[in-house]
Amino acid sequence: MSRAELAAGKKREAEKHAELVELGKRIRYLRKEILGYHRQSDFAERLGVTRGAVGNWEIGVGMKRDHLITIAKEFNISHAWLAEGKGTPIAKPSIDSKLELLPPEEYETLYEHFQTMIDNRLRALGRKEQNDDEDSGPPDVQAGDYSKRREPNK
C-alpha cells in the first residue's frame, strides 16, 4: 500500500470516529436534555440494555443500527436526527399517517377544510391563489376526490 492510500485510510477512520463521537453526543443530549434521564441506568432500563451499553454509545462505541431504530421508536424521536444529526429531534407524525387512521368517507370533508385554510393563509400572505382547475391534491388524486386515496392500514 502506498503512503497516499494509508493516509486516505487513516483520514476515513478519523472521520468515522468523529461521526460516532457526534452520535454519542446526540444520544447523551437526548437522554439528559430531551428525555430527562439523568442516569444512564434509567435510560438503559427503558431500552432493555445495560448501563454500560449506554455509556459506550455516548462515547461513540458499540452503537448498532438496530439500537438507533429502537431508541427512535421507543421515544418517538426522529431517526434522521439521531443517526445523522439532520432535522429536529422530535419526530413529527405526517398528516398522511394520521389521515390513514380515519375512514375514507371523512377525506372529502377534511379536504374542504384544508383547502379553505390554505386559501385563507395565501390571502393573509398576500399571495395569488392557484387556478381552480389545477390539481392541488396529492399525485393521482384530483381536488375533492379523496375517495380514491389509499386505504388506511388495518
N, C-alpha and C. Protein backbone atom coordinates (compact mmCIF):
# COMPACT_ATOMS: atom_id res chain seq x y z
N MET A 1 0.83 -1.18 0.00
CA MET A 1 0.00 0.00 0.00
C MET A 1 0.88 1.25 0.00
N SER A 2 0.47 2.21 -0.77
CA SER A 2 1.26 3.45 -0.86
C SER A 2 0.98 4.34 0.35
N ARG A 3 1.83 5.33 0.51
CA ARG A 3 1.65 6.29 1.61
C ARG A 3 0.33 7.04 1.47
N ALA A 4 -0.02 7.38 0.23
CA ALA A 4 -1.26 8.11 -0.02
C ALA A 4 -2.47 7.26 0.37
N GLU A 5 -2.42 5.97 0.06
CA GLU A 5 -3.53 5.07 0.41
C GLU A 5 -3.64 4.92 1.93
N LEU A 6 -2.50 4.80 2.60
CA LEU A 6 -2.50 4.70 4.06
C LEU A 6 -3.06 5.98 4.69
N ALA A 7 -2.64 7.11 4.16
CA ALA A 7 -3.11 8.39 4.69
C ALA A 7 -4.61 8.54 4.47
N ALA A 8 -5.08 8.13 3.29
CA ALA A 8 -6.52 8.21 3.00
C ALA A 8 -7.31 7.29 3.94
N GLY A 9 -6.77 6.11 4.20
CA GLY A 9 -7.43 5.18 5.12
C GLY A 9 -7.51 5.73 6.53
N LYS A 10 -6.42 6.34 6.98
CA LYS A 10 -6.41 6.95 8.32
C LYS A 10 -7.39 8.11 8.40
N LYS A 11 -7.47 8.87 7.33
CA LYS A 11 -8.40 10.00 7.30
C LYS A 11 -9.85 9.51 7.40
N ARG A 12 -10.16 8.44 6.64
CA ARG A 12 -11.52 7.87 6.71
C ARG A 12 -11.83 7.36 8.11
N GLU A 13 -10.87 6.70 8.73
CA GLU A 13 -11.06 6.21 10.10
C GLU A 13 -11.31 7.36 11.07
N ALA A 14 -10.57 8.43 10.92
CA ALA A 14 -10.73 9.60 11.79
C ALA A 14 -12.10 10.23 11.59
N GLU A 15 -12.55 10.31 10.33
CA GLU A 15 -13.88 10.88 10.05
C GLU A 15 -14.97 10.00 10.65
N LYS A 16 -14.84 8.69 10.51
CA LYS A 16 -15.82 7.75 11.07
C LYS A 16 -15.86 7.88 12.59
N HIS A 17 -14.70 7.98 13.21
CA HIS A 17 -14.64 8.14 14.66
C HIS A 17 -15.32 9.44 15.09
N ALA A 18 -15.08 10.51 14.35
CA ALA A 18 -15.70 11.81 14.67
C ALA A 18 -17.21 11.72 14.54
N GLU A 19 -17.72 10.99 13.53
CA GLU A 19 -19.16 10.80 13.36
C GLU A 19 -19.74 10.04 14.55
N LEU A 20 -19.04 9.01 15.00
CA LEU A 20 -19.51 8.22 16.14
C LEU A 20 -19.51 9.03 17.43
N VAL A 21 -18.52 9.88 17.59
CA VAL A 21 -18.47 10.75 18.77
C VAL A 21 -19.67 11.71 18.74
N GLU A 22 -19.96 12.28 17.57
CA GLU A 22 -21.11 13.18 17.44
C GLU A 22 -22.41 12.44 17.71
N LEU A 23 -22.52 11.21 17.24
CA LEU A 23 -23.70 10.38 17.53
C LEU A 23 -23.83 10.19 19.03
N GLY A 24 -22.73 9.90 19.69
CA GLY A 24 -22.74 9.74 21.15
C GLY A 24 -23.21 11.00 21.85
N LYS A 25 -22.79 12.15 21.36
CA LYS A 25 -23.23 13.43 21.95
C LYS A 25 -24.74 13.61 21.78
N ARG A 26 -25.28 13.20 20.61
CA ARG A 26 -26.72 13.31 20.41
C ARG A 26 -27.48 12.39 21.34
N ILE A 27 -26.94 11.18 21.55
CA ILE A 27 -27.61 10.24 22.46
C ILE A 27 -27.61 10.80 23.88
N ARG A 28 -26.49 11.33 24.31
CA ARG A 28 -26.42 11.91 25.66
C ARG A 28 -27.37 13.10 25.77
N TYR A 29 -27.38 13.96 24.75
CA TYR A 29 -28.29 15.12 24.75
C TYR A 29 -29.74 14.64 24.81
N LEU A 30 -30.06 13.64 24.02
CA LEU A 30 -31.41 13.08 24.03
C LEU A 30 -31.76 12.57 25.43
N ARG A 31 -30.88 11.78 25.99
CA ARG A 31 -31.13 11.17 27.30
C ARG A 31 -31.35 12.22 28.37
N LYS A 32 -30.42 13.18 28.46
CA LYS A 32 -30.46 14.15 29.55
C LYS A 32 -31.38 15.33 29.30
N GLU A 33 -31.21 15.99 28.17
CA GLU A 33 -31.89 17.26 27.93
C GLU A 33 -33.32 17.10 27.41
N ILE A 34 -33.53 16.15 26.53
CA ILE A 34 -34.86 15.99 25.94
C ILE A 34 -35.73 15.08 26.79
N LEU A 35 -35.19 13.93 27.18
CA LEU A 35 -36.00 12.94 27.91
C LEU A 35 -35.90 13.09 29.42
N GLY A 36 -34.89 13.76 29.91
CA GLY A 36 -34.76 13.98 31.35
C GLY A 36 -34.25 12.78 32.15
N TYR A 37 -33.60 11.83 31.48
CA TYR A 37 -32.99 10.70 32.19
C TYR A 37 -31.59 11.14 32.61
N HIS A 38 -31.42 11.45 33.87
CA HIS A 38 -30.12 11.91 34.33
C HIS A 38 -29.17 10.75 34.62
N ARG A 39 -29.72 9.57 34.77
CA ARG A 39 -28.88 8.39 35.00
C ARG A 39 -28.93 7.48 33.78
N GLN A 40 -27.78 7.05 33.36
CA GLN A 40 -27.70 6.13 32.23
C GLN A 40 -28.48 4.84 32.51
N SER A 41 -28.48 4.41 33.76
CA SER A 41 -29.15 3.16 34.10
C SER A 41 -30.66 3.24 33.87
N ASP A 42 -31.27 4.40 34.14
CA ASP A 42 -32.71 4.54 33.91
C ASP A 42 -33.03 4.49 32.41
N PHE A 43 -32.22 5.16 31.62
CA PHE A 43 -32.37 5.15 30.17
C PHE A 43 -32.18 3.72 29.64
N ALA A 44 -31.15 3.07 30.12
CA ALA A 44 -30.83 1.70 29.70
C ALA A 44 -31.98 0.75 30.04
N GLU A 45 -32.53 0.89 31.23
CA GLU A 45 -33.63 0.01 31.66
C GLU A 45 -34.82 0.15 30.72
N ARG A 46 -35.14 1.36 30.35
CA ARG A 46 -36.27 1.62 29.44
C ARG A 46 -36.04 0.94 28.09
N LEU A 47 -34.77 0.86 27.66
CA LEU A 47 -34.44 0.26 26.37
C LEU A 47 -34.14 -1.23 26.45
N GLY A 48 -34.02 -1.75 27.65
CA GLY A 48 -33.71 -3.17 27.82
C GLY A 48 -32.26 -3.51 27.52
N VAL A 49 -31.35 -2.55 27.82
CA VAL A 49 -29.92 -2.77 27.64
C VAL A 49 -29.21 -2.46 28.96
N THR A 50 -27.92 -2.67 28.99
CA THR A 50 -27.17 -2.39 30.21
C THR A 50 -26.76 -0.92 30.28
N ARG A 51 -26.44 -0.47 31.48
CA ARG A 51 -25.95 0.89 31.67
C ARG A 51 -24.63 1.07 30.92
N GLY A 52 -23.82 0.03 30.92
CA GLY A 52 -22.54 0.07 30.22
C GLY A 52 -22.71 0.27 28.72
N ALA A 53 -23.76 -0.33 28.16
CA ALA A 53 -24.03 -0.15 26.73
C ALA A 53 -24.32 1.32 26.44
N VAL A 54 -25.16 1.94 27.27
CA VAL A 54 -25.48 3.35 27.08
C VAL A 54 -24.23 4.21 27.23
N GLY A 55 -23.41 3.90 28.23
CA GLY A 55 -22.16 4.63 28.42
C GLY A 55 -21.26 4.54 27.19
N ASN A 56 -21.18 3.34 26.62
CA ASN A 56 -20.37 3.16 25.41
C ASN A 56 -20.94 3.95 24.23
N TRP A 57 -22.25 3.91 24.07
CA TRP A 57 -22.87 4.66 22.96
C TRP A 57 -22.53 6.14 23.07
N GLU A 58 -22.57 6.64 24.30
CA GLU A 58 -22.34 8.08 24.50
C GLU A 58 -20.91 8.51 24.22
N ILE A 59 -19.97 7.56 24.19
CA ILE A 59 -18.61 7.91 23.81
C ILE A 59 -18.30 7.44 22.39
N GLY A 60 -19.33 6.96 21.70
CA GLY A 60 -19.18 6.58 20.30
C GLY A 60 -18.71 5.17 20.05
N VAL A 61 -19.03 4.25 20.96
CA VAL A 61 -18.58 2.87 20.84
C VAL A 61 -19.79 1.93 20.90
N GLY A 62 -19.81 0.94 20.02
CA GLY A 62 -20.78 -0.15 20.12
C GLY A 62 -22.20 0.15 19.67
N MET A 63 -22.42 1.25 19.04
CA MET A 63 -23.77 1.58 18.59
C MET A 63 -24.06 0.83 17.30
N LYS A 64 -25.19 0.12 17.29
CA LYS A 64 -25.62 -0.60 16.10
C LYS A 64 -26.87 0.05 15.54
N ARG A 65 -27.09 -0.17 14.27
CA ARG A 65 -28.26 0.40 13.61
C ARG A 65 -29.56 0.01 14.32
N ASP A 66 -29.66 -1.24 14.77
CA ASP A 66 -30.86 -1.70 15.47
C ASP A 66 -31.11 -0.90 16.74
N HIS A 67 -30.02 -0.50 17.43
CA HIS A 67 -30.17 0.31 18.64
C HIS A 67 -30.77 1.67 18.31
N LEU A 68 -30.29 2.27 17.22
CA LEU A 68 -30.82 3.57 16.80
C LEU A 68 -32.31 3.48 16.48
N ILE A 69 -32.69 2.43 15.79
CA ILE A 69 -34.10 2.22 15.44
C ILE A 69 -34.93 2.05 16.70
N THR A 70 -34.43 1.26 17.65
CA THR A 70 -35.14 1.05 18.91
C THR A 70 -35.32 2.35 19.68
N ILE A 71 -34.26 3.14 19.78
CA ILE A 71 -34.33 4.41 20.50
C ILE A 71 -35.34 5.34 19.82
N ALA A 72 -35.25 5.45 18.50
CA ALA A 72 -36.16 6.34 17.76
C ALA A 72 -37.61 5.93 17.97
N LYS A 73 -37.90 4.64 17.90
CA LYS A 73 -39.28 4.17 18.07
C LYS A 73 -39.75 4.31 19.52
N GLU A 74 -38.92 3.92 20.45
CA GLU A 74 -39.32 3.94 21.87
C GLU A 74 -39.66 5.34 22.36
N PHE A 75 -38.90 6.33 21.88
CA PHE A 75 -39.08 7.69 22.39
C PHE A 75 -39.69 8.65 21.35
N ASN A 76 -40.14 8.09 20.22
CA ASN A 76 -40.73 8.89 19.14
C ASN A 76 -39.79 10.04 18.74
N ILE A 77 -38.55 9.66 18.48
CA ILE A 77 -37.50 10.61 18.10
C ILE A 77 -37.19 10.41 16.62
N SER A 78 -36.86 11.47 15.94
CA SER A 78 -36.53 11.40 14.52
C SER A 78 -35.27 10.55 14.32
N HIS A 79 -35.41 9.51 13.52
CA HIS A 79 -34.26 8.65 13.22
C HIS A 79 -33.19 9.43 12.45
N ALA A 80 -33.61 10.31 11.55
CA ALA A 80 -32.64 11.11 10.78
C ALA A 80 -31.81 12.00 11.70
N TRP A 81 -32.46 12.59 12.70
CA TRP A 81 -31.71 13.43 13.65
C TRP A 81 -30.77 12.57 14.47
N LEU A 82 -31.28 11.47 14.99
CA LEU A 82 -30.46 10.62 15.85
C LEU A 82 -29.27 10.05 15.10
N ALA A 83 -29.49 9.50 13.93
CA ALA A 83 -28.42 8.83 13.18
C ALA A 83 -27.47 9.80 12.50
N GLU A 84 -28.01 10.92 11.98
CA GLU A 84 -27.18 11.78 11.13
C GLU A 84 -27.13 13.24 11.57
N GLY A 85 -27.91 13.60 12.59
CA GLY A 85 -27.94 14.98 13.03
C GLY A 85 -28.73 15.89 12.11
N LYS A 86 -29.58 15.32 11.27
CA LYS A 86 -30.37 16.11 10.32
C LYS A 86 -31.76 16.38 10.89
N GLY A 87 -32.26 17.59 10.68
CA GLY A 87 -33.61 17.91 11.12
C GLY A 87 -33.67 18.21 12.60
N THR A 88 -34.81 17.89 13.19
CA THR A 88 -35.04 18.14 14.61
C THR A 88 -35.21 16.83 15.35
N PRO A 89 -34.94 16.81 16.65
CA PRO A 89 -35.02 15.57 17.40
C PRO A 89 -36.43 14.98 17.50
N ILE A 90 -37.41 15.82 17.67
CA ILE A 90 -38.76 15.32 17.89
C ILE A 90 -39.40 14.98 16.56
N ALA A 91 -39.76 13.72 16.41
CA ALA A 91 -40.39 13.28 15.17
C ALA A 91 -41.80 13.83 15.11
N LYS A 92 -42.15 14.36 13.96
CA LYS A 92 -43.49 14.89 13.76
C LYS A 92 -44.25 13.92 12.88
N PRO A 93 -45.36 13.38 13.39
CA PRO A 93 -46.12 12.46 12.54
C PRO A 93 -46.66 13.21 11.33
N SER A 94 -46.60 12.60 10.19
CA SER A 94 -47.07 13.25 8.98
C SER A 94 -48.59 13.29 8.96
N ILE A 95 -49.11 14.24 8.22
CA ILE A 95 -50.56 14.33 8.07
C ILE A 95 -51.08 13.04 7.43
N ASP A 96 -50.35 12.52 6.46
CA ASP A 96 -50.80 11.30 5.80
C ASP A 96 -50.95 10.14 6.78
N SER A 97 -49.99 10.00 7.70
CA SER A 97 -50.08 8.88 8.64
C SER A 97 -51.28 9.04 9.56
N LYS A 98 -51.62 10.27 9.91
CA LYS A 98 -52.81 10.50 10.73
C LYS A 98 -54.08 10.32 9.91
N LEU A 99 -54.05 10.76 8.66
CA LEU A 99 -55.20 10.63 7.79
C LEU A 99 -55.57 9.17 7.59
N GLU A 100 -54.57 8.31 7.53
CA GLU A 100 -54.82 6.88 7.35
C GLU A 100 -55.61 6.27 8.50
N LEU A 101 -55.64 6.94 9.64
CA LEU A 101 -56.39 6.43 10.79
C LEU A 101 -57.89 6.67 10.65
N LEU A 102 -58.26 7.56 9.74
CA LEU A 102 -59.66 7.91 9.55
C LEU A 102 -60.30 7.06 8.47
N PRO A 103 -61.63 6.87 8.56
CA PRO A 103 -62.30 6.15 7.48
C PRO A 103 -62.31 7.00 6.22
N PRO A 104 -62.24 6.38 5.05
CA PRO A 104 -62.16 7.12 3.79
C PRO A 104 -63.30 8.12 3.58
N GLU A 105 -64.46 7.87 4.12
CA GLU A 105 -65.59 8.79 3.93
C GLU A 105 -65.34 10.15 4.58
N GLU A 106 -64.35 10.26 5.44
CA GLU A 106 -64.01 11.53 6.09
C GLU A 106 -63.10 12.41 5.23
N TYR A 107 -62.47 11.84 4.21
CA TYR A 107 -61.48 12.57 3.43
C TYR A 107 -62.04 13.81 2.76
N GLU A 108 -63.24 13.70 2.16
CA GLU A 108 -63.81 14.83 1.42
C GLU A 108 -64.00 16.03 2.33
N THR A 109 -64.55 15.81 3.52
CA THR A 109 -64.76 16.91 4.46
C THR A 109 -63.43 17.54 4.86
N LEU A 110 -62.46 16.71 5.16
CA LEU A 110 -61.15 17.23 5.54
C LEU A 110 -60.50 17.98 4.40
N TYR A 111 -60.64 17.48 3.19
CA TYR A 111 -60.06 18.17 2.04
C TYR A 111 -60.63 19.58 1.93
N GLU A 112 -61.94 19.70 2.10
CA GLU A 112 -62.58 21.01 2.01
C GLU A 112 -62.04 21.94 3.10
N HIS A 113 -61.86 21.43 4.31
CA HIS A 113 -61.30 22.25 5.40
C HIS A 113 -59.87 22.68 5.08
N PHE A 114 -59.05 21.74 4.60
CA PHE A 114 -57.66 22.06 4.26
C PHE A 114 -57.61 23.12 3.16
N GLN A 115 -58.45 22.95 2.14
CA GLN A 115 -58.45 23.90 1.03
C GLN A 115 -58.81 25.30 1.53
N THR A 116 -59.80 25.40 2.41
CA THR A 116 -60.20 26.69 2.95
C THR A 116 -59.08 27.31 3.77
N MET A 117 -58.42 26.50 4.60
CA MET A 117 -57.31 27.01 5.41
C MET A 117 -56.16 27.49 4.53
N ILE A 118 -55.85 26.74 3.49
CA ILE A 118 -54.76 27.13 2.60
C ILE A 118 -55.12 28.42 1.88
N ASP A 119 -56.34 28.51 1.37
CA ASP A 119 -56.78 29.73 0.68
C ASP A 119 -56.69 30.94 1.61
N ASN A 120 -57.17 30.78 2.85
CA ASN A 120 -57.11 31.87 3.83
C ASN A 120 -55.67 32.27 4.13
N ARG A 121 -54.80 31.30 4.24
CA ARG A 121 -53.40 31.59 4.54
C ARG A 121 -52.73 32.31 3.37
N LEU A 122 -53.03 31.88 2.15
CA LEU A 122 -52.48 32.56 0.97
C LEU A 122 -52.94 34.01 0.92
N ARG A 123 -54.22 34.24 1.22
CA ARG A 123 -54.72 35.62 1.24
C ARG A 123 -54.00 36.43 2.31
N ALA A 124 -53.82 35.84 3.48
CA ALA A 124 -53.14 36.54 4.59
C ALA A 124 -51.70 36.89 4.21
N LEU A 125 -51.08 36.05 3.42
CA LEU A 125 -49.70 36.29 2.99
C LEU A 125 -49.64 37.20 1.77
N GLY A 126 -50.82 37.54 1.24
CA GLY A 126 -50.87 38.42 0.08
C GLY A 126 -50.44 37.75 -1.20
N ARG A 127 -50.58 36.44 -1.26
CA ARG A 127 -50.17 35.71 -2.46
C ARG A 127 -51.38 35.39 -3.32
N LYS A 128 -51.13 35.28 -4.60
CA LYS A 128 -52.17 34.95 -5.55
C LYS A 128 -52.57 33.49 -5.36
N GLU A 129 -53.87 33.21 -5.39
CA GLU A 129 -54.34 31.84 -5.26
C GLU A 129 -54.11 31.08 -6.55
N GLN A 130 -53.99 29.76 -6.43
CA GLN A 130 -53.81 28.93 -7.61
C GLN A 130 -55.11 28.89 -8.40
N ASN A 131 -54.98 28.60 -9.69
CA ASN A 131 -56.18 28.44 -10.50
C ASN A 131 -56.98 27.26 -9.99
N ASP A 132 -58.30 27.39 -10.04
CA ASP A 132 -59.17 26.32 -9.54
C ASP A 132 -59.05 25.04 -10.35
N ASP A 133 -58.63 25.14 -11.63
CA ASP A 133 -58.54 23.95 -12.46
C ASP A 133 -57.25 23.17 -12.23
N GLU A 134 -56.32 23.71 -11.46
CA GLU A 134 -55.08 22.99 -11.17
C GLU A 134 -55.33 21.91 -10.14
N ASP A 135 -54.58 20.84 -10.23
CA ASP A 135 -54.67 19.75 -9.25
C ASP A 135 -53.91 20.18 -8.01
N SER A 136 -54.61 20.37 -6.92
CA SER A 136 -53.93 20.76 -5.69
C SER A 136 -53.87 19.62 -4.69
N GLY A 137 -54.31 18.44 -5.09
CA GLY A 137 -54.24 17.28 -4.21
C GLY A 137 -52.96 16.51 -4.44
N PRO A 138 -52.80 15.40 -3.74
CA PRO A 138 -51.62 14.56 -3.94
C PRO A 138 -51.61 13.98 -5.35
N PRO A 139 -50.49 13.45 -5.81
CA PRO A 139 -50.42 12.87 -7.14
C PRO A 139 -51.50 11.82 -7.34
N ASP A 140 -52.07 11.77 -8.55
CA ASP A 140 -53.10 10.81 -8.93
C ASP A 140 -54.41 10.99 -8.21
N VAL A 141 -54.60 12.07 -7.47
CA VAL A 141 -55.86 12.33 -6.79
C VAL A 141 -56.28 13.74 -7.17
N GLN A 142 -57.41 13.87 -7.85
CA GLN A 142 -57.90 15.18 -8.25
C GLN A 142 -58.48 15.89 -7.04
N ALA A 143 -58.47 17.21 -7.09
CA ALA A 143 -59.01 18.01 -5.99
C ALA A 143 -60.42 17.54 -5.66
N GLY A 144 -60.68 17.30 -4.40
CA GLY A 144 -62.01 16.90 -3.94
C GLY A 144 -62.30 15.43 -4.12
N ASP A 145 -61.34 14.64 -4.62
CA ASP A 145 -61.59 13.23 -4.90
C ASP A 145 -60.74 12.36 -3.98
N TYR A 146 -60.91 12.49 -2.69
CA TYR A 146 -60.11 11.73 -1.74
C TYR A 146 -60.67 10.34 -1.50
N SER A 147 -61.76 9.99 -2.15
CA SER A 147 -62.29 8.64 -2.01
C SER A 147 -61.35 7.63 -2.66
N LYS A 148 -60.45 8.10 -3.57
CA LYS A 148 -59.52 7.20 -4.24
C LYS A 148 -58.18 7.11 -3.53
N ARG A 149 -58.09 7.74 -2.38
CA ARG A 149 -56.86 7.72 -1.60
C ARG A 149 -56.62 6.31 -1.11
N ARG A 150 -55.38 5.97 -0.84
CA ARG A 150 -55.07 4.61 -0.40
C ARG A 150 -55.85 4.27 0.87
N GLU A 151 -56.14 3.01 1.00
CA GLU A 151 -56.89 2.55 2.18
C GLU A 151 -56.02 2.65 3.43
N PRO A 152 -56.63 2.96 4.57
CA PRO A 152 -55.85 3.02 5.82
C PRO A 152 -55.28 1.65 6.16
N ASN A 153 -54.14 1.64 6.84
CA ASN A 153 -53.56 0.39 7.32
C ASN A 153 -54.48 -0.25 8.33
N LYS A 154 -54.61 -1.54 8.27
CA LYS A 154 -55.51 -2.23 9.22
C LYS A 154 -54.71 -2.98 10.24
